[in-house]
Structures are given as structure tokens and as C-alpha cells.
Amino acid sequence: MSKDASAAEQLAENEESKLSSSQVADYLRVHPEFFIEQDDLLAELSLPHESGKAISLLERQVTILRERGIDARQKLNNLIENARNNDQLFDTTRNLVLALLRAEGITEIANVAQDQLSNQINIDVCEIILVERNHLGVSPSVRVEKSEKLQQDFGDVFRLKRTHCGIQSDEQLAYLFPEHSSKIKSTALCPVVNNSEVLALLAFGNHTENFFNVNLDTLFLDFIGQVIGAVIDKELTKAASD
């Protein structure tokens, strides 16, 4: 065998015996104490830094642990903030549901819903518009509109039967919020639904542009619409049977 052939075979064997980076990483995970008795190796190791200067393995480890600590604190803060928001939503829902259950008649239901929701954070204005129907029997102070008019102006809400967020035209804002339309920059329109029938329209306004937007989670608002729909339907059934 020639010397060239022997050298080539030795080179091939060396290439095959090389460990992959993943194998090295797996070994170090199983043996985290590996570097304790490898002072010479540690002295030779260095890692590139964003500044261009090389840093030691220990410095890099401290940096990584610090970054992970910051990330962990941020996640914890997010969890705490979410918990606070959930507590607030629960209190809002509980107070509204209890007030609705105590309400007598559709007029009081409409007034309770509007008053309770108007006082919530991030809701600057709230209006409720009932769909005209027999046995409604509400006070003149409660807004009532024909179904055809509401469906023509707010078709998506009636068709999808879920909250629609965004901004309305100046004409629609003037209709929804007669006394506050010039200040409203974003809206959420929530159908008051029972058995797939829209009984009323809840309109929420905010003074901040794009606060109510297509990416907003509307689960809470949809639930509120269903609760109000259930108590209104109960009163309509009672009135029809009298």
C-alpha cells in the first residue's frame, strides 16, 4: 500500500470518528461537571461577543443566566397582569349578572346594562338599542329601532352574531353615540342574542384610535350580549303570556 493511500485512509477514519456538535452538547448536559477538572481547556476557550471582543465561558454563562432571569421576570409580570385583568373581568361580569337578575322589566334591564358597562375601564361610552317588536313595552327613554334599519347599517353584526370591532363612518357614529360621536375613535358593536335572534345592539365607544380592533378578544363582550339577551327574552315571554 502506498504512503498516499495510507494517509488517505487515516484521514477518512479521523473524519468518521469526529463527534457532532449535538453529541457534544448531549454529553455536556449529562455531565455538567465536566469542566471542573479542565482548567487548561477552560483557559483556551473563548466566545465571540457582539462588541467583537472574545469573552470567557464563565462570562458567557453569567450573561445567559442574566438574560434568562430577565425573561423569567417578564413572563411572571405578564402572568400577574393577566390575573389582574381576569379578576377585573370576573368582577364586572358578576356585578352585571346580579344586577340584571334583580332588574324588573325590559326598561330596567336596558338601563342597568348601559349604566354598568359605561362605568367600566376602557369603555368611554355605551349605548343599547333594542330591536322593535311586540310586547316590548319600554320607557320612551330607551332607544328602540326597527330591525331593517339596524341590519342595513350594521349588517355584519346581525349576520355573524358576534362582536364587530373597528371604526364606523361619521354618519354611523352620530347615530350610535348622538352626544359623543366627535370623540369616539374606535367602536365595538355587540349583538344581544338569544336563540340565534338579535334582540338588541350594544355599542361601545373608546376615545383612543384603534383601541377596539380586529385583533381584540371579544369573548367577554359576546358573553355579556348573550346574558342580556337571555334576560330580555325572559321578559318578552312573560309579557306575551300576560
Protein backbone atom coordinates (compact mmCIF):
# COMPACT_ATOMS: atom_id res chain seq x y z
CA MET A 1 0.00 0.00 0.00
CA SER A 2 1.42 3.39 -0.91
CA LYS A 3 2.04 6.13 1.64
CA ASP A 4 -0.56 8.34 -0.10
CA ALA A 5 -3.25 5.64 0.18
CA SER A 6 -2.41 5.04 3.86
CA ALA A 7 -2.66 8.75 4.65
CA ALA A 8 -5.97 8.99 2.83
CA GLU A 9 -7.40 6.05 4.81
CA GLN A 10 -6.21 7.56 8.10
CA LEU A 11 -7.82 10.90 7.18
CA ALA A 12 -11.11 9.15 6.37
CA GLU A 13 -11.08 7.30 9.71
CA ASN A 14 -10.44 10.56 11.53
CA GLU A 15 -13.39 12.23 9.75
CA GLU A 16 -15.72 9.32 10.63
CA SER A 17 -14.65 9.41 14.29
CA LYS A 18 -15.44 13.10 14.72
CA LEU A 19 -18.24 13.91 17.19
CA SER A 20 -21.11 16.07 16.00
CA SER A 21 -21.96 19.28 17.86
CA SER A 22 -25.22 17.74 19.05
CA GLN A 23 -23.36 14.77 20.53
CA VAL A 24 -21.01 17.10 22.39
CA ALA A 25 -23.97 19.13 23.66
CA ASP A 26 -25.80 15.99 24.82
CA TYR A 27 -22.69 14.79 26.67
CA LEU A 28 -22.24 18.10 28.49
CA ARG A 29 -25.89 18.13 29.53
CA VAL A 30 -25.45 14.70 31.11
CA HIS A 31 -22.09 15.70 32.63
CA PRO A 32 -22.42 19.38 33.63
CA GLU A 33 -19.41 18.99 35.95
CA PHE A 34 -17.10 18.17 33.01
CA PHE A 35 -15.22 21.49 33.08
CA ILE A 36 -14.50 21.37 36.84
CA GLU A 37 -11.24 19.47 36.28
CA GLN A 38 -10.48 21.01 32.88
CA ASP A 39 -8.72 24.22 33.84
CA ASP A 40 -6.39 24.13 30.87
CA LEU A 41 -9.28 23.65 28.48
CA LEU A 42 -11.25 26.46 30.06
CA ALA A 43 -8.27 28.75 29.65
CA GLU A 44 -8.21 28.03 25.92
CA LEU A 45 -11.93 28.51 25.32
CA SER A 46 -13.29 31.86 24.23
CA LEU A 47 -16.55 33.06 22.72
CA PRO A 48 -17.19 35.92 20.31
CA HIS A 49 -19.04 38.92 21.73
CA GLU A 50 -21.24 41.46 19.98
CA SER A 51 -18.58 44.09 20.64
CA GLY A 52 -16.06 41.95 18.73
CA LYS A 53 -14.06 41.09 21.84
CA ALA A 54 -13.71 37.49 22.98
CA ILE A 55 -15.18 36.60 26.39
CA SER A 56 -14.61 33.63 28.66
CA LEU A 57 -17.02 30.75 29.03
CA LEU A 58 -17.87 31.89 32.54
CA GLU A 59 -18.68 35.39 31.36
CA ARG A 60 -20.92 33.97 28.67
CA GLN A 61 -22.66 31.74 31.20
CA VAL A 62 -23.31 34.69 33.51
CA THR A 63 -24.72 36.68 30.57
CA ILE A 64 -27.05 33.86 29.54
CA LEU A 65 -28.30 33.34 33.10
CA ARG A 66 -28.92 37.09 33.45
CA GLU A 67 -30.89 37.18 30.18
CA ARG A 68 -32.94 34.17 31.24
CA GLY A 69 -33.64 35.82 34.58
CA ILE A 70 -34.91 38.94 32.83
CA ASP A 71 -37.08 36.81 30.55
CA ALA A 72 -38.46 34.85 33.51
CA ARG A 73 -39.35 38.08 35.34
CA GLN A 74 -41.10 39.41 32.24
CA LYS A 75 -43.16 36.23 31.93
CA LEU A 76 -44.06 36.44 35.62
CA ASN A 77 -45.13 40.07 35.24
CA ASN A 78 -47.29 39.10 32.27
CA LEU A 79 -48.94 36.33 34.29
CA ILE A 80 -49.64 38.76 37.15
CA GLU A 81 -51.10 41.33 34.74
CA ASN A 82 -53.32 38.67 33.12
CA ALA A 83 -54.50 37.56 36.56
CA ARG A 84 -55.45 41.14 37.42
CA ASN A 85 -57.34 41.53 34.15
CA ASN A 86 -59.17 38.25 34.74
CA ASP A 87 -60.14 39.36 38.26
CA GLN A 88 -61.49 42.61 36.85
CA LEU A 89 -63.48 40.79 34.15
CA PHE A 90 -64.91 38.43 36.75
CA ASP A 91 -66.00 41.31 38.99
CA THR A 92 -67.57 43.11 36.04
CA THR A 93 -69.44 40.00 34.92
CA ARG A 94 -70.61 39.11 38.43
CA ASN A 95 -71.89 42.60 39.20
CA LEU A 96 -73.67 42.91 35.86
CA VAL A 97 -75.31 39.47 36.02
CA LEU A 98 -76.54 40.06 39.59
CA ALA A 99 -77.92 43.48 38.65
CA LEU A 100 -79.68 42.04 35.59
CA LEU A 101 -81.25 39.26 37.65
CA ARG A 102 -82.66 41.86 40.05
CA ALA A 103 -84.00 44.07 37.23
CA GLU A 104 -87.75 44.16 36.68
CA GLY A 105 -88.89 44.76 33.12
CA ILE A 106 -87.02 45.42 29.91
CA THR A 107 -86.62 49.14 30.59
CA GLU A 108 -84.71 48.44 33.80
CA ILE A 109 -82.67 45.72 32.07
CA ALA A 110 -81.59 48.17 29.37
CA ASN A 111 -80.77 50.89 31.89
CA VAL A 112 -78.83 48.54 34.16
CA ALA A 113 -76.79 47.15 31.25
CA GLN A 114 -75.93 50.60 29.93
CA ASP A 115 -75.06 52.06 33.34
CA GLN A 116 -72.96 49.10 34.47
CA LEU A 117 -70.97 48.84 31.25
CA SER A 118 -70.46 52.60 30.87
CA ASN A 119 -68.54 52.61 34.14
CA GLN A 120 -66.01 50.02 33.04
CA ILE A 121 -62.38 50.84 32.27
CA ASN A 122 -61.70 51.25 28.53
CA ILE A 123 -65.40 51.82 27.78
CA ASP A 124 -65.86 55.56 27.41
CA VAL A 125 -69.41 55.39 26.07
CA CYS A 126 -72.02 52.63 25.98
CA GLU A 127 -75.36 52.66 24.18
CA ILE A 128 -78.02 49.94 23.92
CA ILE A 129 -80.55 49.95 21.09
CA LEU A 130 -83.43 47.47 21.31
CA VAL A 131 -84.92 45.87 18.22
CA GLU A 132 -88.56 46.91 17.80
CA ARG A 133 -91.09 44.10 18.42
CA ASN A 134 -94.45 43.35 20.01
CA HIS A 135 -94.75 43.27 23.82
CA LEU A 136 -91.58 45.35 24.22
CA GLY A 137 -93.29 47.90 26.44
CA VAL A 138 -90.29 50.06 27.29
CA SER A 139 -89.97 53.63 28.51
CA PRO A 140 -89.50 56.37 25.87
CA SER A 141 -86.03 56.95 27.34
CA VAL A 142 -84.88 53.55 25.98
CA ARG A 143 -83.73 53.58 22.36
CA VAL A 144 -85.70 51.33 20.02
CA GLU A 145 -85.11 50.81 16.29
CA LYS A 146 -86.60 48.69 13.52
CA SER A 147 -84.69 45.54 12.68
CA GLU A 148 -84.48 46.51 9.00
CA LYS A 149 -82.72 49.77 9.81
CA LEU A 150 -80.15 48.12 12.10
CA GLN A 151 -79.46 45.30 9.66
CA GLN A 152 -78.98 47.75 6.82
CA ASP A 153 -76.46 49.86 8.76
CA PHE A 154 -74.74 47.10 10.76
CA GLY A 155 -75.19 44.01 8.63
CA ASP A 156 -72.03 42.18 9.73
CA VAL A 157 -73.10 42.16 13.37
CA PHE A 158 -76.51 40.71 12.55
CA ARG A 159 -75.16 38.21 10.04
CA LEU A 160 -72.26 36.89 12.14
CA LYS A 161 -73.99 37.38 15.51
CA ARG A 162 -70.76 38.26 17.26
CA THR A 163 -68.96 41.42 18.27
CA HIS A 164 -67.53 43.54 15.47
CA CYS A 165 -64.65 45.92 16.31
CA GLY A 166 -63.25 48.82 14.35
CA ILE A 167 -64.28 52.33 13.34
CA GLN A 168 -67.60 53.38 11.84
CA SER A 169 -68.43 56.13 9.40
CA ASP A 170 -69.23 59.60 10.74
CA GLU A 171 -72.90 59.01 9.99
CA GLN A 172 -72.93 55.71 11.89
CA LEU A 173 -71.08 57.24 14.85
CA ALA A 174 -73.60 60.07 15.01
CA TYR A 175 -76.39 57.51 15.10
CA LEU A 176 -74.78 55.23 17.68
CA PHE A 177 -73.46 57.95 20.01
CA PRO A 178 -75.58 61.07 19.44
CA GLU A 179 -73.93 63.10 22.22
CA HIS A 180 -70.37 61.81 21.95
CA SER A 181 -69.72 60.92 18.31
CA SER A 182 -66.98 63.53 17.77
CA LYS A 183 -64.80 61.96 20.49
CA ILE A 184 -65.19 58.31 19.51
CA LYS A 185 -62.15 56.90 17.67
CA SER A 186 -62.95 53.16 17.79
CA THR A 187 -66.04 51.06 18.44
CA ALA A 188 -67.18 47.58 19.37
CA LEU A 189 -70.67 46.54 18.30
CA CYS A 190 -72.03 43.59 20.25
CA PRO A 191 -75.29 41.82 19.32
CA VAL A 192 -77.62 40.96 22.20
CA VAL A 193 -78.59 37.45 21.16
CA ASN A 194 -80.94 34.71 22.35
CA ASN A 195 -81.64 31.52 20.40
CA SER A 196 -79.77 32.99 17.39
CA GLU A 197 -82.09 36.02 17.31
CA VAL A 198 -80.67 39.51 17.73
CA LEU A 199 -82.79 41.35 20.31
CA ALA A 200 -80.67 44.48 20.69
CA LEU A 201 -77.39 46.11 19.78
CA LEU A 202 -74.75 47.13 22.34
CA ALA A 203 -72.42 49.85 21.11
CA PHE A 204 -69.15 50.56 22.94
CA GLY A 205 -67.03 53.59 22.15
CA ASN A 206 -63.44 54.47 23.06
CA HIS A 207 -61.62 57.78 22.71
CA THR A 208 -58.40 56.03 21.66
CA GLU A 209 -57.86 55.29 17.99
CA ASN A 210 -57.73 51.57 17.18
CA PHE A 211 -58.39 50.52 20.79
CA PHE A 212 -61.24 48.31 19.63
CA ASN A 213 -59.64 46.49 16.71
CA VAL A 214 -59.97 43.24 14.75
CA ASN A 215 -57.34 41.53 16.92
CA LEU A 216 -59.20 42.19 20.18
CA ASP A 217 -60.51 39.15 22.06
CA THR A 218 -64.29 39.69 22.16
CA LEU A 219 -65.23 36.59 24.16
CA PHE A 220 -66.22 38.67 27.19
CA LEU A 221 -68.37 41.07 25.15
CA ASP A 222 -70.07 38.20 23.32
CA PHE A 223 -70.88 36.56 26.66
CA ILE A 224 -72.36 39.79 28.02
CA GLY A 225 -74.53 40.04 24.91
CA GLN A 226 -75.82 36.52 25.49
CA VAL A 227 -76.59 37.16 29.16
CA ILE A 228 -78.53 40.34 28.39
CA GLY A 229 -80.31 38.50 25.57
CA ALA A 230 -81.43 35.74 27.94
CA VAL A 231 -82.98 38.13 30.49
CA ILE A 232 -84.68 40.22 27.79
CA ASP A 233 -86.14 37.09 26.20
CA LYS A 234 -87.45 36.01 29.59
CA GLU A 235 -89.29 39.31 29.97
CA LEU A 236 -90.65 39.12 26.41
CA THR A 237 -92.01 35.64 27.07
CA LYS A 238 -93.62 36.83 30.30
CA ALA A 239 -95.21 39.83 28.59
CA ALA A 240 -96.57 37.71 25.74
CA SER A 241 -98.23 35.29 28.17
CA ASP A 242 -99.97 38.03 30.23
